[in-house]
Amino acid sequence: MIDAKNYVEIMGEKIPLDLYIGGKWIDTEEKFPVTNPATEEIIAHMPSASATHALSALTFATEVQKSWANWAPRKRANLFHQAYQLLIQKAEIFAHVMTLESGKPLTEAKAEFALSTDFFLWYAEQIAHLHGTYAHGSNGGYRVIATHHPVGPSFLVTPWNFPFLMIARKGGAAMAAGCTVITKSARETPLTSALFVKTLIEAGFPEGVINLLHTKNSAEVSTSLITDKRLKKISFTGSTGVGSSLLGQAAKNIINSSMELGGDGPYVVLNDADIDVAVKHAVICKFRNAGQACVAANRIILEEKIAAEFTEKFVAEVKKMKVGNGLDQVDLGPIISEKQLKNTEELVSTLNNMGGKLLTGGNRLPQKGFFYEPTVFKLDNYESDFCNQELFAPIAVLYTVKDAQEAINFANRTNYGLSAYLFTNDINHAIALSESLEFGMVGINRGIMADPAAPFGGIKSSGIGREGGHDGIYEFLEQQYLALTVDETKVK
């Protein structure tokens, strides 16, 4: 029984419009609106948490941390599997909610749901397989025993561009590891988080294990938690600027931190690449979620012999893209907000002023909603600092280079190091060049890389730590070493 005081009904599902703290749904006087970016209509009014609410959530998370950590692995795994089955039953509802509040096409929302639940299932399957090690001490006389313990109450900060993937990937790993969590939803997309938490409650997750905060006072809420010594972990996905600020605050109490930050994804296409494949993946990699993705193709770098062919085919495909409400049959939905739309217009102005050649698009669509045409520029000047800027918009920028080495040098000339892409039919070339790319992830002849079995994350200004793969759950575990003395002379 979900006893939320306020809710909005979508596709027959009552989605709570309250905070969830210590097993109770809590309303607040201060509210903020959630807007459908395709229609500019207000979907709901959400409660805005204060620092007091945040610290209350931390109190409950701290109180139940020990009991949750002590759950038998199989018992916790069974609970996860039960939650997974309930999530699957609500697939259509989750996709619809994501499209309403984020604007992404329904096909993309369904794909995000599938990937998100795959991550949740991955962690469910890891719970009973977190093994330590046992070995002889190097000089004999004792044993080296290594084990793991949950790091403790964790603060999870999720972004708006992938509202279900981020809470499922972070929350799944943290709770599977035995940590209690306080999740702060993105202001633009809180309903997806609310539906996720409601589903876990229906599955039987204990009170205090998961707590949910919505707020328009993000800095106040985050600071109150990070400066409290009871918090043991922060996992953040968002901009490099905000991530750097949070790391600075976390440094005071030496809080365990994972950061998945901005990207500047170079998309390198070499002369021997399959151009049709490269074009197909470039359209997906660049324009998925209207370009609002940290792993989007930010700089499309073309070796000169194939530049003209790629450009012609790529522009032709972009011109075919249908823009509109994500609930309809479209290829591209709206940008998330009026503010983000203005940022897109400023980017186009900057590219024009830099001498960029506009190949298609370049205009806001004259209709209700935050719609912008898929846009392609060709830029000859790649010495500018602009080439080290995350676009986060439905804008593709094409560059031409003389050879593969120049392509790699240009790709690496960035402060970011999240994802890069390389298209070539020479496997030896692919391996050698990929290893020289200074990025945490490299897609070879493919533009989509996220997978539950793979470690997702970057280097340099793109972050610290990994989500998913074998390592994802260990981000929420602390290793402990036990040195056990053994008198081997008594062994006969």
Protein backbone atom coordinates (compact mmCIF):
# COMPACT_ATOMS: atom_id res chain seq x y z
CA MET A 1 0.00 0.00 0.00
CA ILE A 2 1.51 3.32 -1.10
CA ASP A 3 0.16 6.03 1.21
CA ALA A 4 1.55 9.10 -0.58
CA LYS A 5 -0.44 12.23 0.19
CA ASN A 6 -0.13 13.54 -3.36
CA TYR A 7 0.16 11.74 -6.66
CA VAL A 8 -0.35 12.07 -10.39
CA GLU A 9 -1.99 9.26 -12.33
CA ILE A 10 -0.31 8.23 -15.59
CA MET A 11 -1.53 5.20 -17.57
CA GLY A 12 -3.44 4.05 -14.50
CA GLU A 13 -0.34 4.21 -12.24
CA LYS A 14 -0.44 6.53 -9.23
CA ILE A 15 2.99 8.16 -9.04
CA PRO A 16 3.75 9.77 -5.67
CA LEU A 17 4.49 13.50 -5.61
CA ASP A 18 6.10 13.47 -2.16
CA LEU A 19 9.53 13.00 -0.68
CA TYR A 20 10.22 9.52 0.65
CA ILE A 21 12.11 9.55 3.95
CA GLY A 22 12.43 6.76 6.48
CA GLY A 23 9.58 4.75 5.01
CA LYS A 24 7.11 7.66 4.84
CA TRP A 25 5.92 9.90 2.03
CA ILE A 26 6.34 13.53 3.08
CA ASP A 27 4.85 16.67 1.58
CA THR A 28 6.34 20.17 1.76
CA GLU A 29 4.92 23.66 1.43
CA GLU A 30 7.55 24.72 -1.10
CA LYS A 31 6.93 23.29 -4.57
CA PHE A 32 8.40 23.42 -8.06
CA PRO A 33 6.79 22.54 -11.40
CA VAL A 34 7.70 19.70 -13.76
CA THR A 35 7.22 20.71 -17.39
CA ASN A 36 6.70 18.58 -20.47
CA PRO A 37 9.32 20.01 -22.88
CA ALA A 38 7.26 18.98 -25.90
CA THR A 39 4.16 20.95 -24.91
CA GLU A 40 5.43 23.34 -22.19
CA GLU A 41 2.54 22.10 -20.03
CA ILE A 42 3.03 21.48 -16.32
CA ILE A 43 2.77 17.77 -15.53
CA ALA A 44 3.02 18.01 -11.75
CA HIS A 45 4.16 20.13 -8.82
CA MET A 46 6.83 18.46 -6.73
CA PRO A 47 7.79 19.06 -3.08
CA SER A 48 11.12 20.80 -2.59
CA ALA A 49 13.32 19.25 0.08
CA SER A 50 15.39 21.40 2.42
CA ALA A 51 18.59 20.64 4.29
CA THR A 52 16.43 19.52 7.22
CA HIS A 53 14.74 16.90 5.06
CA ALA A 54 18.10 15.75 3.73
CA LEU A 55 19.56 15.28 7.20
CA SER A 56 16.44 13.45 8.32
CA ALA A 57 16.90 11.04 5.42
CA LEU A 58 20.55 10.55 6.42
CA THR A 59 19.48 9.79 9.99
CA PHE A 60 17.15 7.01 8.84
CA ALA A 61 19.73 5.68 6.37
CA THR A 62 22.33 5.57 9.13
CA GLU A 63 20.01 3.84 11.60
CA VAL A 64 19.21 0.94 9.27
CA GLN A 65 22.63 0.65 7.62
CA LYS A 66 23.89 -2.14 9.87
CA SER A 67 20.76 -4.28 9.62
CA TRP A 68 20.63 -3.90 5.80
CA ALA A 69 24.33 -4.76 5.49
CA ASN A 70 23.75 -7.90 7.55
CA TRP A 71 21.03 -9.28 5.29
CA ALA A 72 22.09 -12.68 3.95
CA PRO A 73 23.24 -12.33 0.34
CA ARG A 74 20.61 -14.72 -0.99
CA LYS A 75 17.84 -12.94 0.89
CA ARG A 76 18.87 -9.60 -0.57
CA ALA A 77 19.28 -11.12 -4.04
CA ASN A 78 15.78 -12.60 -3.86
CA LEU A 79 14.38 -9.18 -2.98
CA PHE A 80 16.17 -7.67 -5.97
CA HIS A 81 14.76 -10.32 -8.28
CA GLN A 82 11.28 -9.64 -6.95
CA ALA A 83 11.74 -5.92 -7.62
CA TYR A 84 13.06 -6.68 -11.10
CA GLN A 85 9.91 -8.62 -11.96
CA LEU A 86 7.72 -5.73 -10.79
CA LEU A 87 9.79 -3.26 -12.83
CA ILE A 88 9.35 -5.38 -15.96
CA GLN A 89 5.59 -5.36 -15.47
CA LYS A 90 5.64 -1.56 -15.61
CA ALA A 91 7.78 -1.21 -18.75
CA GLU A 92 5.21 0.75 -20.76
CA ILE A 93 4.46 3.09 -17.86
CA PHE A 94 8.13 3.87 -17.22
CA ALA A 95 8.72 4.64 -20.89
CA HIS A 96 5.67 6.90 -21.06
CA VAL A 97 6.69 8.81 -17.93
CA MET A 98 10.24 9.30 -19.21
CA THR A 99 8.96 10.66 -22.51
CA LEU A 100 6.52 13.03 -20.78
CA GLU A 101 9.11 14.63 -18.52
CA SER A 102 12.33 14.37 -20.56
CA GLY A 103 10.92 14.67 -24.08
CA LYS A 104 12.91 11.78 -25.54
CA PRO A 105 11.15 9.71 -28.22
CA LEU A 106 9.20 6.76 -26.86
CA THR A 107 11.47 4.33 -28.71
CA GLU A 108 14.48 5.78 -26.88
CA ALA A 109 12.63 5.67 -23.56
CA LYS A 110 11.84 1.99 -24.09
CA ALA A 111 15.49 1.29 -24.91
CA GLU A 112 16.56 3.14 -21.75
CA PHE A 113 14.12 1.10 -19.68
CA ALA A 114 15.48 -2.15 -21.10
CA LEU A 115 19.09 -1.16 -20.40
CA SER A 116 18.23 0.10 -16.91
CA THR A 117 16.51 -3.10 -15.86
CA ASP A 118 19.39 -5.10 -17.33
CA PHE A 119 21.73 -3.20 -14.99
CA PHE A 120 19.42 -3.83 -12.05
CA LEU A 121 19.36 -7.54 -12.88
CA TRP A 122 23.15 -7.57 -13.23
CA TYR A 123 23.53 -6.31 -9.67
CA ALA A 124 20.91 -8.76 -8.41
CA GLU A 125 23.03 -11.57 -9.82
CA GLN A 126 26.24 -10.17 -8.29
CA ILE A 127 24.93 -10.00 -4.71
CA ALA A 128 25.61 -13.64 -3.85
CA HIS A 129 28.96 -13.64 -5.67
CA LEU A 130 31.05 -11.05 -3.85
CA HIS A 131 34.04 -13.12 -2.94
CA GLY A 132 37.12 -12.34 -0.89
CA THR A 133 40.56 -13.97 -1.08
CA TYR A 134 42.69 -16.22 1.13
CA ALA A 135 46.45 -16.59 0.71
CA HIS A 136 49.67 -17.36 2.55
CA GLY A 137 51.68 -14.38 3.77
CA SER A 138 54.71 -13.78 1.56
CA ASN A 139 57.13 -14.80 4.32
CA GLY A 140 54.93 -17.45 5.93
CA GLY A 141 53.63 -17.57 9.49
CA TYR A 142 50.29 -15.89 8.75
CA ARG A 143 47.45 -15.78 6.29
CA VAL A 144 46.29 -12.90 4.12
CA ILE A 145 42.49 -12.68 4.17
CA ALA A 146 40.79 -9.99 2.08
CA THR A 147 37.09 -9.27 2.42
CA HIS A 148 34.63 -6.46 1.72
CA HIS A 149 32.13 -4.42 3.68
CA PRO A 150 29.49 -1.92 2.48
CA VAL A 151 30.91 1.60 2.52
CA GLY A 152 27.76 2.87 4.26
CA PRO A 153 25.07 5.51 3.72
CA SER A 154 25.43 6.82 0.17
CA PHE A 155 24.22 9.99 -1.54
CA LEU A 156 23.25 9.44 -5.18
CA VAL A 157 22.82 12.46 -7.46
CA THR A 158 21.16 11.66 -10.78
CA PRO A 159 20.84 13.75 -13.97
CA TRP A 160 17.79 14.52 -16.11
CA ASN A 161 18.98 13.15 -19.45
CA PHE A 162 18.75 9.46 -18.49
CA PRO A 163 16.41 9.56 -15.48
CA PHE A 164 15.81 5.82 -15.09
CA LEU A 165 19.20 4.50 -16.16
CA MET A 166 21.05 6.59 -13.61
CA ILE A 167 18.94 5.76 -10.56
CA ALA A 168 18.77 2.07 -11.50
CA ARG A 169 22.52 1.86 -12.15
CA LYS A 170 23.61 3.79 -9.06
CA GLY A 171 20.88 2.66 -6.70
CA GLY A 172 21.09 -0.92 -7.88
CA ALA A 173 24.82 -1.12 -7.23
CA ALA A 174 24.69 0.66 -3.87
CA MET A 175 21.83 -1.33 -2.37
CA ALA A 176 23.12 -4.61 -3.81
CA ALA A 177 26.39 -3.91 -2.01
CA GLY A 178 24.49 -3.47 1.24
CA CYS A 179 24.45 0.32 1.41
CA THR A 180 21.47 2.46 2.33
CA VAL A 181 20.90 5.37 -0.03
CA ILE A 182 19.61 8.93 -0.27
CA THR A 183 18.79 9.67 -3.89
CA LYS A 184 18.33 13.20 -5.21
CA SER A 185 16.35 13.25 -8.42
CA ALA A 186 16.96 15.77 -11.18
CA ARG A 187 14.61 18.74 -10.93
CA GLU A 188 13.48 18.24 -14.54
CA THR A 189 12.70 14.51 -14.26
CA PRO A 190 11.59 13.53 -10.74
CA LEU A 191 8.62 11.36 -11.70
CA THR A 192 10.74 8.52 -13.06
CA SER A 193 12.67 8.37 -9.79
CA ALA A 194 9.41 8.42 -7.82
CA LEU A 195 8.02 5.51 -9.84
CA PHE A 196 11.24 3.54 -9.34
CA VAL A 197 11.18 4.06 -5.55
CA LYS A 198 7.48 3.21 -5.37
CA THR A 199 8.15 -0.06 -7.20
CA LEU A 200 10.96 -1.02 -4.81
CA ILE A 201 8.66 -0.34 -1.87
CA GLU A 202 6.01 -2.59 -3.41
CA ALA A 203 8.68 -5.28 -3.76
CA GLY A 204 9.37 -5.10 -0.02
CA PHE A 205 12.50 -2.97 0.41
CA PRO A 206 12.78 -2.10 4.13
CA GLU A 207 12.08 1.37 5.49
CA GLY A 208 15.09 3.65 5.43
CA VAL A 209 17.07 1.62 2.88
CA ILE A 210 16.10 3.94 0.05
CA ASN A 211 15.20 7.59 0.57
CA LEU A 212 14.14 9.99 -2.18
CA LEU A 213 14.58 13.75 -2.29
CA HIS A 214 13.25 16.17 -4.88
CA THR A 215 14.42 19.75 -4.59
CA LYS A 216 14.94 23.08 -6.27
CA ASN A 217 17.62 23.82 -3.65
CA SER A 218 20.23 21.34 -4.86
CA ALA A 219 23.28 23.14 -3.48
CA GLU A 220 21.76 23.45 -0.01
CA VAL A 221 20.67 19.81 0.11
CA SER A 222 23.96 18.45 -1.25
CA THR A 223 26.12 20.55 1.04
CA SER A 224 24.16 19.52 4.14
CA LEU A 225 24.75 15.84 3.36
CA ILE A 226 28.35 15.99 2.16
CA THR A 227 29.51 17.98 5.19
CA ASP A 228 27.93 15.46 7.60
CA LYS A 229 30.38 12.81 8.78
CA ARG A 230 27.67 10.14 8.80
CA LEU A 231 27.65 10.15 4.99
CA LYS A 232 30.19 7.67 3.65
CA LYS A 233 29.80 7.87 -0.12
CA ILE A 234 28.71 10.21 -2.91
CA SER A 235 28.02 9.09 -6.47
CA PHE A 236 27.32 11.93 -8.90
CA THR A 237 26.53 12.13 -12.60
CA GLY A 238 26.49 15.59 -14.16
CA SER A 239 28.68 18.43 -15.31
CA THR A 240 32.39 18.60 -14.59
CA GLY A 241 31.95 21.98 -12.91
CA VAL A 242 29.41 20.73 -10.38
CA GLY A 243 31.32 17.49 -9.87
CA SER A 244 34.51 19.41 -9.07
CA SER A 245 32.61 21.49 -6.51
CA LEU A 246 31.17 18.38 -4.85
CA LEU A 247 34.61 16.76 -4.73
CA GLY A 248 35.91 19.86 -2.97
CA GLN A 249 33.23 19.56 -0.32
CA ALA A 250 33.76 15.81 0.02
CA ALA A 251 37.48 16.35 0.60
CA LYS A 252 36.92 17.79 4.08
CA ASN A 253 35.64 14.49 5.47
CA ILE A 254 37.51 12.33 2.91
CA ILE A 255 34.22 10.95 1.59
CA ASN A 256 34.45 8.08 -0.88
CA SER A 257 33.48 9.64 -4.23
CA SER A 258 32.48 8.42 -7.68
CA MET A 259 32.06 11.00 -10.43
CA GLU A 260 30.70 10.49 -13.96
CA LEU A 261 31.18 13.90 -15.53
CA GLY A 262 31.24 15.67 -18.88
CA GLY A 263 32.47 14.31 -22.19
CA ASP A 264 33.82 15.53 -25.50
CA GLY A 265 33.40 12.37 -27.55
CA PRO A 266 35.64 12.43 -30.65
CA TYR A 267 34.19 10.30 -33.43
CA VAL A 268 37.04 9.31 -35.74
CA VAL A 269 36.36 7.90 -39.22
CA LEU A 270 39.40 6.67 -41.14
CA ASN A 271 39.85 6.14 -44.88
CA ASP A 272 39.35 2.38 -44.72
CA ALA A 273 36.12 2.53 -42.69
CA ASP A 274 32.76 1.25 -43.88
CA ILE A 275 31.25 4.69 -44.50
CA ASP A 276 27.63 3.54 -44.46
CA VAL A 277 28.14 1.92 -41.04
CA ALA A 278 29.98 4.99 -39.77
CA VAL A 279 27.18 7.29 -40.93
CA LYS A 280 24.46 5.12 -39.41
CA HIS A 281 26.16 5.03 -36.02
CA ALA A 282 27.07 8.72 -36.15
CA VAL A 283 23.41 9.70 -36.49
CA ILE A 284 22.52 7.59 -33.46
CA CYS A 285 25.55 8.58 -31.41
CA LYS A 286 25.12 12.29 -32.11
CA PHE A 287 21.36 12.81 -32.03
CA ARG A 288 20.17 10.30 -29.42
CA ASN A 289 18.32 12.22 -26.71
CA ALA A 290 18.59 15.35 -28.92
CA GLY A 291 22.37 15.30 -28.44
CA GLN A 292 21.98 15.68 -24.68
CA ALA A 293 24.29 12.86 -23.63
CA CYS A 294 27.76 12.89 -22.10
CA VAL A 295 28.83 10.13 -24.52
CA ALA A 296 27.46 11.85 -27.63
CA ALA A 297 29.68 12.28 -30.70
CA ASN A 298 30.94 15.78 -29.99
CA ARG A 299 33.59 16.14 -32.70
CA ILE A 300 33.23 14.09 -35.87
CA ILE A 301 36.79 13.81 -37.21
CA LEU A 302 37.14 12.63 -40.81
CA GLU A 303 40.26 11.50 -42.63
CA GLU A 304 40.37 13.62 -45.80
CA LYS A 305 39.93 10.91 -48.46
CA ILE A 306 36.50 9.94 -47.14
CA ALA A 307 35.41 13.33 -45.75
CA ALA A 308 33.29 14.33 -48.74
CA GLU A 309 31.51 10.97 -49.01
CA PHE A 310 30.80 10.78 -45.28
CA THR A 311 29.59 14.38 -45.18
CA GLU A 312 27.20 13.94 -48.09
CA LYS A 313 25.68 10.75 -46.70
CA PHE A 314 25.56 12.02 -43.11
CA VAL A 315 23.82 15.28 -44.02
CA ALA A 316 21.32 13.37 -46.18
CA GLU A 317 20.40 11.14 -43.23
CA VAL A 318 20.12 14.07 -40.83
CA LYS A 319 17.76 15.87 -43.20
CA LYS A 320 15.43 12.85 -43.06
CA MET A 321 15.04 13.07 -39.28
CA LYS A 322 11.56 13.87 -38.04
CA VAL A 323 11.33 16.21 -35.06
CA GLY A 324 8.34 16.33 -32.72
CA ASN A 325 6.61 15.14 -29.58
CA GLY A 326 8.27 11.96 -28.35
CA LEU A 327 4.89 10.27 -27.97
CA ASP A 328 4.53 10.39 -31.75
CA GLN A 329 6.60 8.53 -34.36
CA VAL A 330 9.61 10.85 -34.39
CA ASP A 331 13.40 10.58 -34.53
CA LEU A 332 14.19 13.61 -32.39
CA GLY A 333 12.30 15.01 -29.42
CA PRO A 334 12.56 18.42 -27.77
CA ILE A 335 15.45 19.87 -25.83
CA ILE A 336 14.86 19.62 -22.08
CA SER A 337 14.18 23.30 -21.29
CA GLU A 338 14.00 26.86 -22.56
CA LYS A 339 17.38 27.53 -20.94
CA GLN A 340 19.00 24.62 -22.74
CA LEU A 341 17.36 25.72 -25.97
CA LYS A 342 18.91 29.18 -25.63
CA ASN A 343 22.29 27.53 -25.04
CA THR A 344 21.81 25.69 -28.33
CA GLU A 345 21.05 28.93 -30.16
CA GLU A 346 24.19 30.49 -28.67
CA LEU A 347 26.27 27.52 -29.86
CA VAL A 348 24.97 27.97 -33.41
CA SER A 349 25.81 31.68 -33.24
CA THR A 350 29.33 30.87 -32.03
CA LEU A 351 29.88 28.38 -34.85
CA ASN A 352 28.69 30.91 -37.42
CA ASN A 353 31.03 33.54 -36.00
CA MET A 354 33.94 31.08 -36.16
CA GLY A 355 33.42 30.65 -39.88
CA GLY A 356 31.63 27.33 -39.62
CA LYS A 357 29.76 26.24 -42.74
CA LEU A 358 26.12 25.38 -41.97
CA LEU A 359 25.17 22.23 -43.91
CA THR A 360 21.65 21.74 -42.55
CA GLY A 361 19.40 22.93 -39.74
CA GLY A 362 20.32 25.88 -37.57
CA ASN A 363 16.87 27.03 -36.46
CA ARG A 364 14.43 26.70 -33.61
CA LEU A 365 11.16 25.20 -34.81
CA PRO A 366 8.20 27.62 -34.76
CA GLN A 367 5.88 25.56 -32.58
CA LYS A 368 5.01 25.00 -28.95
CA GLY A 369 7.76 23.18 -27.11
CA PHE A 370 11.55 23.39 -27.00
CA PHE A 371 12.30 22.04 -30.46
CA TYR A 372 15.43 22.64 -32.52
CA GLU A 373 16.34 21.31 -35.94
CA PRO A 374 19.06 18.65 -36.10
CA THR A 375 22.01 20.75 -37.21
CA VAL A 376 25.29 20.01 -38.97
CA PHE A 377 28.30 22.33 -39.31
CA LYS A 378 31.63 21.87 -41.05
CA LEU A 379 34.46 23.64 -39.23
CA ASP A 380 37.92 24.05 -40.72
CA ASN A 381 39.47 25.69 -37.66
CA TYR A 382 40.10 23.18 -34.91
CA GLU A 383 42.71 25.15 -32.97
CA SER A 384 40.03 27.03 -31.02
CA ASP A 385 39.19 26.31 -27.38
CA PHE A 386 35.65 25.77 -28.62
CA CYS A 387 36.81 22.32 -29.76
CA ASN A 388 37.23 21.43 -26.09
CA GLN A 389 33.61 22.22 -25.20
CA GLU A 390 30.83 19.71 -24.59
CA LEU A 391 28.00 20.63 -26.96
CA PHE A 392 25.08 18.80 -25.29
CA ALA A 393 22.80 19.79 -28.16
CA PRO A 394 21.48 18.42 -31.49
CA ILE A 395 24.46 19.94 -33.28
CA ALA A 396 27.04 17.88 -35.18
CA VAL A 397 30.38 19.47 -36.08
CA LEU A 398 32.54 17.89 -38.78
CA TYR A 399 36.32 18.31 -39.00
CA THR A 400 38.74 17.06 -41.66
CA VAL A 401 42.29 15.89 -40.92
CA LYS A 402 45.16 14.69 -43.12
CA ASP A 403 45.79 11.28 -41.62
CA ALA A 404 45.11 8.92 -38.73
CA GLN A 405 47.83 10.34 -36.50
CA GLU A 406 46.46 13.84 -36.84
CA ALA A 407 43.01 12.47 -36.03
CA ILE A 408 44.26 10.84 -32.82
CA ASN A 409 46.21 13.94 -31.80
CA PHE A 410 43.13 16.11 -32.29
CA ALA A 411 40.92 13.61 -30.48
CA ASN A 412 43.22 13.64 -27.45
CA ARG A 413 43.48 17.43 -27.31
CA THR A 414 40.78 17.84 -24.69
CA ASN A 415 40.44 18.03 -20.93
CA TYR A 416 37.78 15.33 -21.10
CA GLY A 417 38.29 11.58 -21.34
CA LEU A 418 34.96 9.79 -21.22
CA SER A 419 34.20 8.17 -24.58
CA ALA A 420 35.74 8.09 -28.05
CA TYR A 421 34.78 6.30 -31.25
CA LEU A 422 36.93 4.84 -34.01
CA PHE A 423 35.83 3.49 -37.39
CA THR A 424 38.27 1.40 -39.43
CA ASN A 425 38.22 -2.03 -41.06
CA ASP A 426 41.85 -2.76 -40.12
CA ILE A 427 41.68 -4.58 -36.78
CA ASN A 428 45.39 -4.10 -36.07
CA HIS A 429 45.01 -0.38 -36.75
CA ALA A 430 41.91 -0.32 -34.56
CA ILE A 431 43.66 -1.83 -31.54
CA ALA A 432 46.81 0.25 -31.85
CA LEU A 433 44.95 3.54 -32.29
CA SER A 434 42.36 2.76 -29.61
CA GLU A 435 45.10 2.15 -27.09
CA SER A 436 46.52 5.59 -27.87
CA LEU A 437 43.18 7.32 -27.29
CA GLU A 438 43.10 8.92 -23.83
CA PHE A 439 39.56 7.92 -22.94
CA GLY A 440 37.95 5.54 -20.48
CA MET A 441 35.84 3.94 -23.22
CA VAL A 442 36.40 3.47 -26.95
CA GLY A 443 33.73 2.24 -29.34
CA ILE A 444 35.28 0.48 -32.34
CA ASN A 445 32.94 0.47 -35.34
CA ARG A 446 29.98 1.17 -33.05
CA GLY A 447 28.41 4.26 -31.50
CA ILE A 448 26.62 2.66 -28.54
CA MET A 449 28.67 1.11 -25.73
CA ALA A 450 26.64 0.99 -22.50
CA ASP A 451 26.29 -2.58 -21.25
CA PRO A 452 25.77 -4.02 -17.75
CA ALA A 453 28.85 -6.23 -18.19
CA ALA A 454 31.09 -3.27 -19.07
CA PRO A 455 32.81 -0.71 -16.79
CA PHE A 456 31.30 2.68 -17.68
CA GLY A 457 33.37 5.76 -16.81
CA GLY A 458 36.08 8.17 -17.85
CA ILE A 459 39.43 9.67 -17.01
CA LYS A 460 40.80 13.22 -16.72
CA SER A 461 37.98 15.76 -16.25
CA SER A 462 35.39 13.14 -17.13
CA GLY A 463 35.38 11.53 -13.73
CA ILE A 464 36.49 9.01 -11.15
CA GLY A 465 35.33 5.42 -10.77
CA ARG A 466 33.21 3.06 -12.84
CA GLU A 467 29.57 2.04 -13.02
CA GLY A 468 28.56 -1.40 -14.22
CA GLY A 469 30.71 -4.37 -15.08
CA HIS A 470 32.52 -6.39 -12.43
CA ASP A 471 33.72 -3.17 -10.78
CA GLY A 472 30.45 -1.25 -10.42
CA ILE A 473 29.30 -2.86 -7.18
CA TYR A 474 32.78 -2.58 -5.66
CA GLU A 475 32.49 1.21 -5.85
CA PHE A 476 30.17 0.80 -2.85
CA LEU A 477 32.34 -1.67 -0.95
CA GLU A 478 35.42 -1.08 1.19
CA GLN A 479 38.10 -3.76 1.18
CA GLN A 480 39.39 -5.02 4.50
CA TYR A 481 42.56 -7.05 5.00
CA LEU A 482 42.85 -9.49 7.90
CA ALA A 483 46.31 -10.80 8.83
CA LEU A 484 45.83 -14.05 10.71
CA THR A 485 48.80 -15.54 12.58
CA VAL A 486 49.21 -19.28 12.05
CA ASP A 487 51.69 -21.34 14.05
CA GLU A 488 52.71 -23.74 11.34
CA THR A 489 55.04 -25.69 13.66
CA LYS A 490 51.99 -27.22 15.33
CA VAL A 491 50.74 -28.68 12.10
CA LYS A 492 51.76 -32.34 11.91
